[in-house]
Amino acid sequence: MKYKASIQIMPQAALLDPQGKAVTHGLQQMGYLNIDSVRVGKNITLEIEANSEDEAKSAVEESCKKLLANMIMETYSYSLTLL
């Protein structure tokens, strides 16, 4: 079976997000004064061939922990759908 994983990786809430600060400042300079505390992250989509949903989840978890997310500075969440 083939699965699609949509992974969202974000900086940990306790850490400073320099990209988010720059975007917040830029938006406020453009007149969007009601926008505050922007956080910038990554969105990654994977297609996974797996025998079960549990196997696909395991592949996503392993990929995130070993390569896609820096577990010291980032958190991740994902959704999995059957294609």
PDB file of N, CA and C in Angstrom:
ATOM      1  N   MET A   1       0.838  -1.177   0.000  1.00  0.00           N
ATOM      2  CA  MET A   1       0.000   0.000   0.000  1.00  0.00           C
ATOM      3  C   MET A   1       0.886   1.243   0.000  1.00  0.00           C
ATOM      4  N   LYS A   2       0.356   2.289  -0.565  1.00  0.00           N
ATOM      5  CA  LYS A   2       1.103   3.547  -0.625  1.00  0.00           C
ATOM      6  C   LYS A   2       0.425   4.586   0.264  1.00  0.00           C
ATOM      7  N   TYR A   3       1.242   5.278   1.053  1.00  0.00           N
ATOM      8  CA  TYR A   3       0.765   6.307   1.967  1.00  0.00           C
ATOM      9  C   TYR A   3       1.427   7.637   1.633  1.00  0.00           C
ATOM     10  N   LYS A   4       0.718   8.707   1.977  1.00  0.00           N
ATOM     11  CA  LYS A   4       1.276  10.050   1.843  1.00  0.00           C
ATOM     12  C   LYS A   4       1.380  10.640   3.239  1.00  0.00           C
ATOM     13  N   ALA A   5       2.577  11.101   3.589  1.00  0.00           N
ATOM     14  CA  ALA A   5       2.797  11.754   4.883  1.00  0.00           C
ATOM     15  C   ALA A   5       3.024  13.232   4.652  1.00  0.00           C
ATOM     16  N   SER A   6       2.289  14.056   5.368  1.00  0.00           N
ATOM     17  CA  SER A   6       2.489  15.503   5.365  1.00  0.00           C
ATOM     18  C   SER A   6       3.085  15.861   6.723  1.00  0.00           C
ATOM     19  N   ILE A   7       4.331  16.321   6.709  1.00  0.00           N
ATOM     20  CA  ILE A   7       5.082  16.562   7.932  1.00  0.00           C
ATOM     21  C   ILE A   7       5.277  18.061   8.123  1.00  0.00           C
ATOM     22  N   GLN A   8       4.981  18.549   9.323  1.00  0.00           N
ATOM     23  CA  GLN A   8       5.198  19.947   9.664  1.00  0.00           C
ATOM     24  C   GLN A   8       6.304  19.999  10.722  1.00  0.00           C
ATOM     25  N   ILE A   9       7.354  20.753  10.432  1.00  0.00           N
ATOM     26  CA  ILE A   9       8.478  20.899  11.354  1.00  0.00           C
ATOM     27  C   ILE A   9       8.563  22.367  11.758  1.00  0.00           C
ATOM     28  N   MET A  10       8.580  22.594  13.068  1.00  0.00           N
ATOM     29  CA  MET A  10       8.594  23.960  13.594  1.00  0.00           C
ATOM     30  C   MET A  10       9.682  24.103  14.647  1.00  0.00           C
ATOM     31  N   PRO A  11      10.206  25.327  14.803  1.00  0.00           N
ATOM     32  CA  PRO A  11      11.148  25.555  15.895  1.00  0.00           C
ATOM     33  C   PRO A  11      10.432  25.349  17.232  1.00  0.00           C
ATOM     34  N   GLN A  12      11.148  24.842  18.224  1.00  0.00           N
ATOM     35  CA  GLN A  12      10.542  24.680  19.543  1.00  0.00           C
ATOM     36  C   GLN A  12      10.085  26.036  20.060  1.00  0.00           C
ATOM     37  N   ALA A  13       8.965  26.030  20.761  1.00  0.00           N
ATOM     38  CA  ALA A  13       8.361  27.284  21.232  1.00  0.00           C
ATOM     39  C   ALA A  13       9.299  28.090  22.128  1.00  0.00           C
ATOM     40  N   ALA A  14      10.156  27.408  22.870  1.00  0.00           N
ATOM     41  CA  ALA A  14      11.045  28.108  23.813  1.00  0.00           C
ATOM     42  C   ALA A  14      12.235  28.770  23.123  1.00  0.00           C
ATOM     43  N   LEU A  15      12.465  28.450  21.850  1.00  0.00           N
ATOM     44  CA  LEU A  15      13.627  28.983  21.138  1.00  0.00           C
ATOM     45  C   LEU A  15      13.274  30.196  20.292  1.00  0.00           C
ATOM     46  N   LEU A  16      14.222  31.082  20.148  1.00  0.00           N
ATOM     47  CA  LEU A  16      14.077  32.248  19.288  1.00  0.00           C
ATOM     48  C   LEU A  16      13.978  31.784  17.831  1.00  0.00           C
ATOM     49  N   ASP A  17      13.105  32.408  17.059  1.00  0.00           N
ATOM     50  CA  ASP A  17      12.932  32.081  15.642  1.00  0.00           C
ATOM     51  C   ASP A  17      13.312  33.320  14.835  1.00  0.00           C
ATOM     52  N   PRO A  18      14.591  33.429  14.409  1.00  0.00           N
ATOM     53  CA  PRO A  18      15.029  34.624  13.687  1.00  0.00           C
ATOM     54  C   PRO A  18      14.258  34.866  12.382  1.00  0.00           C
ATOM     55  N   GLN A  19      13.923  33.801  11.658  1.00  0.00           N
ATOM     56  CA  GLN A  19      13.142  33.979  10.425  1.00  0.00           C
ATOM     57  C   GLN A  19      11.756  34.521  10.751  1.00  0.00           C
ATOM     58  N   GLY A  20      11.145  33.970  11.774  1.00  0.00           N
ATOM     59  CA  GLY A  20       9.820  34.437  12.185  1.00  0.00           C
ATOM     60  C   GLY A  20       9.843  35.890  12.607  1.00  0.00           C
ATOM     61  N   LYS A  21      10.892  36.284  13.347  1.00  0.00           N
ATOM     62  CA  LYS A  21      11.033  37.695  13.768  1.00  0.00           C
ATOM     63  C   LYS A  21      11.155  38.604  12.552  1.00  0.00           C
ATOM     64  N   ALA A  22      11.968  38.184  11.554  1.00  0.00           N
ATOM     65  CA  ALA A  22      12.164  38.992  10.346  1.00  0.00           C
ATOM     66  C   ALA A  22      10.846  39.131   9.574  1.00  0.00           C
ATOM     67  N   VAL A  23      10.090  38.044   9.474  1.00  0.00           N
ATOM     68  CA  VAL A  23       8.799  38.095   8.766  1.00  0.00           C
ATOM     69  C   VAL A  23       7.818  38.978   9.540  1.00  0.00           C
ATOM     70  N   THR A  24       7.779  38.829  10.855  1.00  0.00           N
ATOM     71  CA  THR A  24       6.901  39.677  11.677  1.00  0.00           C
ATOM     72  C   THR A  24       7.226  41.152  11.454  1.00  0.00           C
ATOM     73  N   HIS A  25       8.509  41.494  11.521  1.00  0.00           N
ATOM     74  CA  HIS A  25       8.941  42.878  11.336  1.00  0.00           C
ATOM     75  C   HIS A  25       8.560  43.377   9.934  1.00  0.00           C
ATOM     76  N   GLY A  26       8.812  42.562   8.915  1.00  0.00           N
ATOM     77  CA  GLY A  26       8.486  42.947   7.540  1.00  0.00           C
ATOM     78  C   GLY A  26       6.993  43.200   7.354  1.00  0.00           C
ATOM     79  N   LEU A  27       6.171  42.324   7.908  1.00  0.00           N
ATOM     80  CA  LEU A  27       4.723  42.497   7.795  1.00  0.00           C
ATOM     81  C   LEU A  27       4.258  43.765   8.516  1.00  0.00           C
ATOM     82  N   GLN A  28       4.831  44.018   9.687  1.00  0.00           N
ATOM     83  CA  GLN A  28       4.447  45.225  10.418  1.00  0.00           C
ATOM     84  C   GLN A  28       4.896  46.476   9.682  1.00  0.00           C
ATOM     85  N   GLN A  29       6.047  46.432   9.035  1.00  0.00           N
ATOM     86  CA  GLN A  29       6.517  47.570   8.234  1.00  0.00           C
ATOM     87  C   GLN A  29       5.602  47.809   7.040  1.00  0.00           C
ATOM     88  N   MET A  30       4.946  46.755   6.559  1.00  0.00           N
ATOM     89  CA  MET A  30       4.013  46.883   5.434  1.00  0.00           C
ATOM     90  C   MET A  30       2.631  47.358   5.891  1.00  0.00           C
ATOM     91  N   GLY A  31       2.480  47.565   7.190  1.00  0.00           N
ATOM     92  CA  GLY A  31       1.212  48.085   7.694  1.00  0.00           C
ATOM     93  C   GLY A  31       0.328  47.046   8.366  1.00  0.00           C
ATOM     94  N   TYR A  32       0.760  45.812   8.445  1.00  0.00           N
ATOM     95  CA  TYR A  32      -0.025  44.762   9.099  1.00  0.00           C
ATOM     96  C   TYR A  32       0.310  44.736  10.588  1.00  0.00           C
ATOM     97  N   LEU A  33      -0.113  45.763  11.283  1.00  0.00           N
ATOM     98  CA  LEU A  33       0.240  45.937  12.683  1.00  0.00           C
ATOM     99  C   LEU A  33      -0.465  44.944  13.604  1.00  0.00           C
ATOM    100  N   ASN A  34      -1.508  44.306  13.112  1.00  0.00           N
ATOM    101  CA  ASN A  34      -2.244  43.337  13.929  1.00  0.00           C
ATOM    102  C   ASN A  34      -1.609  41.943  13.874  1.00  0.00           C
ATOM    103  N   ILE A  35      -0.546  41.751  13.100  1.00  0.00           N
ATOM    104  CA  ILE A  35       0.138  40.452  13.013  1.00  0.00           C
ATOM    105  C   ILE A  35       1.338  40.474  13.941  1.00  0.00           C
ATOM    106  N   ASP A  36       1.451  39.424  14.759  1.00  0.00           N
ATOM    107  CA  ASP A  36       2.528  39.360  15.743  1.00  0.00           C
ATOM    108  C   ASP A  36       2.947  37.905  15.933  1.00  0.00           C
ATOM    109  N   SER A  37       4.162  37.696  16.341  1.00  0.00           N
ATOM    110  CA  SER A  37       4.684  36.373  16.714  1.00  0.00           C
ATOM    111  C   SER A  37       4.595  35.340  15.591  1.00  0.00           C
ATOM    112  N   VAL A  38       5.123  35.665  14.438  1.00  0.00           N
ATOM    113  CA  VAL A  38       5.172  34.721  13.319  1.00  0.00           C
ATOM    114  C   VAL A  38       6.237  33.664  13.611  1.00  0.00           C
ATOM    115  N   ARG A  39       5.935  32.406  13.327  1.00  0.00           N
ATOM    116  CA  ARG A  39       6.890  31.305  13.432  1.00  0.00           C
ATOM    117  C   ARG A  39       7.029  30.704  12.034  1.00  0.00           C
ATOM    118  N   VAL A  40       8.257  30.453  11.608  1.00  0.00           N
ATOM    119  CA  VAL A  40       8.511  29.904  10.276  1.00  0.00           C
ATOM    120  C   VAL A  40       9.030  28.485  10.434  1.00  0.00           C
ATOM    121  N   GLY A  41       8.444  27.562   9.683  1.00  0.00           N
ATOM    122  CA  GLY A  41       8.848  26.162   9.747  1.00  0.00           C
ATOM    123  C   GLY A  41       8.957  25.563   8.358  1.00  0.00           C
ATOM    124  N   LYS A  42       8.934  24.234   8.313  1.00  0.00           N
ATOM    125  CA  LYS A  42       9.050  23.510   7.052  1.00  0.00           C
ATOM    126  C   LYS A  42       7.856  22.578   6.902  1.00  0.00           C
ATOM    127  N   ASN A  43       7.446  22.361   5.668  1.00  0.00           N
ATOM    128  CA  ASN A  43       6.414  21.384   5.348  1.00  0.00           C
ATOM    129  C   ASN A  43       7.020  20.400   4.359  1.00  0.00           C
ATOM    130  N   ILE A  44       7.017  19.133   4.701  1.00  0.00           N
ATOM    131  CA  ILE A  44       7.619  18.101   3.867  1.00  0.00           C
ATOM    132  C   ILE A  44       6.562  17.059   3.558  1.00  0.00           C
ATOM    133  N   THR A  45       6.479  16.626   2.302  1.00  0.00           N
ATOM    134  CA  THR A  45       5.550  15.581   1.897  1.00  0.00           C
ATOM    135  C   THR A  45       6.339  14.377   1.408  1.00  0.00           C
ATOM    136  N   LEU A  46       5.974  13.205   1.914  1.00  0.00           N
ATOM    137  CA  LEU A  46       6.626  11.957   1.519  1.00  0.00           C
ATOM    138  C   LEU A  46       5.586  10.967   1.028  1.00  0.00           C
ATOM    139  N   GLU A  47       5.946  10.147   0.054  1.00  0.00           N
ATOM    140  CA  GLU A  47       5.132   8.999  -0.313  1.00  0.00           C
ATOM    141  C   GLU A  47       5.886   7.759   0.149  1.00  0.00           C
ATOM    142  N   ILE A  48       5.178   6.884   0.841  1.00  0.00           N
ATOM    143  CA  ILE A  48       5.797   5.726   1.470  1.00  0.00           C
ATOM    144  C   ILE A  48       5.087   4.459   1.033  1.00  0.00           C
ATOM    145  N   GLU A  49       5.847   3.491   0.583  1.00  0.00           N
ATOM    146  CA  GLU A  49       5.315   2.160   0.288  1.00  0.00           C
ATOM    147  C   GLU A  49       5.475   1.337   1.556  1.00  0.00           C
ATOM    148  N   ALA A  50       4.357   0.859   2.113  1.00  0.00           N
ATOM    149  CA  ALA A  50       4.406   0.104   3.366  1.00  0.00           C
ATOM    150  C   ALA A  50       3.296  -0.944   3.384  1.00  0.00           C
ATOM    151  N   ASN A  51       3.497  -1.979   4.183  1.00  0.00           N
ATOM    152  CA  ASN A  51       2.510  -3.060   4.284  1.00  0.00           C
ATOM    153  C   ASN A  51       1.353  -2.717   5.216  1.00  0.00           C
ATOM    154  N   SER A  52       1.554  -1.734   6.094  1.00  0.00           N
ATOM    155  CA  SER A  52       0.504  -1.350   7.041  1.00  0.00           C
ATOM    156  C   SER A  52       0.681   0.117   7.430  1.00  0.00           C
ATOM    157  N   GLU A  53      -0.352   0.664   8.056  1.00  0.00           N
ATOM    158  CA  GLU A  53      -0.281   2.044   8.529  1.00  0.00           C
ATOM    159  C   GLU A  53       0.790   2.174   9.621  1.00  0.00           C
ATOM    160  N   ASP A  54       0.882   1.181  10.490  1.00  0.00           N
ATOM    161  CA  ASP A  54       1.900   1.206  11.545  1.00  0.00           C
ATOM    162  C   ASP A  54       3.309   1.231  10.966  1.00  0.00           C
ATOM    163  N   GLU A  55       3.527   0.471   9.903  1.00  0.00           N
ATOM    164  CA  GLU A  55       4.842   0.465   9.244  1.00  0.00           C
ATOM    165  C   GLU A  55       5.148   1.823   8.627  1.00  0.00           C
ATOM    166  N   ALA A  56       4.140   2.445   8.015  1.00  0.00           N
ATOM    167  CA  ALA A  56       4.319   3.777   7.422  1.00  0.00           C
ATOM    168  C   ALA A  56       4.614   4.817   8.511  1.00  0.00           C
ATOM    169  N   LYS A  57       3.865   4.749   9.635  1.00  0.00           N
ATOM    170  CA  LYS A  57       4.116   5.672  10.752  1.00  0.00           C
ATOM    171  C   LYS A  57       5.528   5.512  11.285  1.00  0.00           C
ATOM    172  N   SER A  58       5.967   4.277  11.395  1.00  0.00           N
ATOM    173  CA  SER A  58       7.318   4.006  11.885  1.00  0.00           C
ATOM    174  C   SER A  58       8.364   4.618  10.961  1.00  0.00           C
ATOM    175  N   ALA A  59       8.148   4.511   9.649  1.00  0.00           N
ATOM    176  CA  ALA A  59       9.085   5.091   8.675  1.00  0.00           C
ATOM    177  C   ALA A  59       9.123   6.610   8.790  1.00  0.00           C
ATOM    178  N   VAL A  60       7.963   7.232   8.980  1.00  0.00           N
ATOM    179  CA  VAL A  60       7.905   8.695   9.126  1.00  0.00           C
ATOM    180  C   VAL A  60       8.612   9.123  10.409  1.00  0.00           C
ATOM    181  N   GLU A  61       8.307   8.451  11.508  1.00  0.00           N
ATOM    182  CA  GLU A  61       8.936   8.784  12.799  1.00  0.00           C
ATOM    183  C   GLU A  61      10.452   8.675  12.704  1.00  0.00           C
ATOM    184  N   GLU A  62      10.932   7.579  12.128  1.00  0.00           N
ATOM    185  CA  GLU A  62      12.376   7.364  12.004  1.00  0.00           C
ATOM    186  C   GLU A  62      13.018   8.428  11.116  1.00  0.00           C
ATOM    187  N   SER A  63      12.369   8.747   9.997  1.00  0.00           N
ATOM    188  CA  SER A  63      12.889   9.764   9.080  1.00  0.00           C
ATOM    189  C   SER A  63      12.986  11.125   9.754  1.00  0.00           C
ATOM    190  N   CYS A  64      11.961  11.475  10.514  1.00  0.00           N
ATOM    191  CA  CYS A  64      11.966  12.769  11.211  1.00  0.00           C
ATOM    192  C   CYS A  64      13.065  12.825  12.256  1.00  0.00           C
ATOM    193  N   LYS A  65      13.162  11.782  13.059  1.00  0.00           N
ATOM    194  CA  LYS A  65      14.127  11.779  14.158  1.00  0.00           C
ATOM    195  C   LYS A  65      15.571  11.696  13.675  1.00  0.00           C
ATOM    196  N   LYS A  66      15.808  10.993  12.560  1.00  0.00           N
ATOM    197  CA  LYS A  66      17.181  10.791  12.099  1.00  0.00           C
ATOM    198  C   LYS A  66      17.664  11.838  11.105  1.00  0.00           C
ATOM    199  N   LEU A  67      16.750  12.478  10.353  1.00  0.00           N
ATOM    200  CA  LEU A  67      17.202  13.380   9.297  1.00  0.00           C
ATOM    201  C   LEU A  67      16.394  14.664   9.162  1.00  0.00           C
ATOM    202  N   LEU A  68      15.090  14.568   9.117  1.00  0.00           N
ATOM    203  CA  LEU A  68      14.278  15.716   8.724  1.00  0.00           C
ATOM    204  C   LEU A  68      14.179  16.811   9.776  1.00  0.00           C
ATOM    205  N   ALA A  69      14.134  16.441  11.047  1.00  0.00           N
ATOM    206  CA  ALA A  69      14.005  17.436  12.121  1.00  0.00           C
ATOM    207  C   ALA A  69      15.236  17.387  13.017  1.00  0.00           C
ATOM    208  N   ASN A  70      15.663  18.558  13.449  1.00  0.00           N
ATOM    209  CA  ASN A  70      16.726  18.651  14.443  1.00  0.00           C
ATOM    210  C   ASN A  70      16.035  18.577  15.801  1.00  0.00           C
ATOM    211  N   MET A  71      16.092  17.428  16.433  1.00  0.00           N
ATOM    212  CA  MET A  71      15.308  17.174  17.637  1.00  0.00           C
ATOM    213  C   MET A  71      15.704  18.069  18.814  1.00  0.00           C
ATOM    214  N   ILE A  72      16.853  18.702  18.751  1.00  0.00           N
ATOM    215  CA  ILE A  72      17.279  19.622  19.811  1.00  0.00           C
ATOM    216  C   ILE A  72      16.548  20.957  19.673  1.00  0.00           C
ATOM    217  N   MET A  73      16.307  21.386  18.438  1.00  0.00           N
ATOM    218  CA  MET A  73      15.744  22.719  18.198  1.00  0.00           C
ATOM    219  C   MET A  73      14.344  22.729  17.589  1.00  0.00           C
ATOM    220  N   GLU A  74      13.869  21.582  17.110  1.00  0.00           N
ATOM    221  CA  GLU A  74      12.603  21.556  16.380  1.00  0.00           C
ATOM    222  C   GLU A  74      11.666  20.471  16.916  1.00  0.00           C
ATOM    223  N   THR A  75      10.388  20.668  16.621  1.00  0.00           N
ATOM    224  CA  THR A  75       9.374  19.655  16.888  1.00  0.00           C
ATOM    225  C   THR A  75       8.725  19.309  15.554  1.00  0.00           C
ATOM    226  N   TYR A  76       8.074  18.163  15.500  1.00  0.00           N
ATOM    227  CA  TYR A  76       7.387  17.788  14.267  1.00  0.00           C
ATOM    228  C   TYR A  76       6.040  17.158  14.588  1.00  0.00           C
ATOM    229  N   SER A  77       5.154  17.258  13.612  1.00  0.00           N
ATOM    230  CA  SER A  77       3.877  16.561  13.647  1.00  0.00           C
ATOM    231  C   SER A  77       3.595  16.130  12.221  1.00  0.00           C
ATOM    232  N   TYR A  78       2.721  15.162  12.061  1.00  0.00           N
ATOM    233  CA  TYR A  78       2.441  14.683  10.706  1.00  0.00           C
ATOM    234  C   TYR A  78       1.044  14.081  10.622  1.00  0.00           C
ATOM    235  N   SER A  79       0.564  14.021   9.391  1.00  0.00           N
ATOM    236  CA  SER A  79      -0.669  13.311   9.112  1.00  0.00           C
ATOM    237  C   SER A  79      -0.341  12.295   8.022  1.00  0.00           C
ATOM    238  N   LEU A  80      -1.043  11.185   8.048  1.00  0.00           N
ATOM    239  CA  LEU A  80      -0.785  10.087   7.124  1.00  0.00           C
ATOM    240  C   LEU A  80      -2.101   9.722   6.436  1.00  0.00           C
ATOM    241  N   THR A  81      -2.079   9.643   5.099  1.00  0.00           N
ATOM    242  CA  THR A  81      -3.266   9.253   4.357  1.00  0.00           C
ATOM    243  C   THR A  81      -2.911   8.146   3.383  1.00  0.00           C
ATOM    244  N   LEU A  82      -3.859   7.289   3.130  1.00  0.00           N
ATOM    245  CA  LEU A  82      -3.683   6.202   2.174  1.00  0.00           C
ATOM    246  C   LEU A  82      -3.941   6.735   0.775  1.00  0.00           C
ATOM    247  N   LEU A  83      -3.027   6.454  -0.148  1.00  0.00           N
ATOM    248  CA  LEU A  83      -3.213   6.912  -1.528  1.00  0.00           C
ATOM    249  C   LEU A  83      -3.947   5.876  -2.351  1.00  0.00           C
TER     250      LEU A  83
END
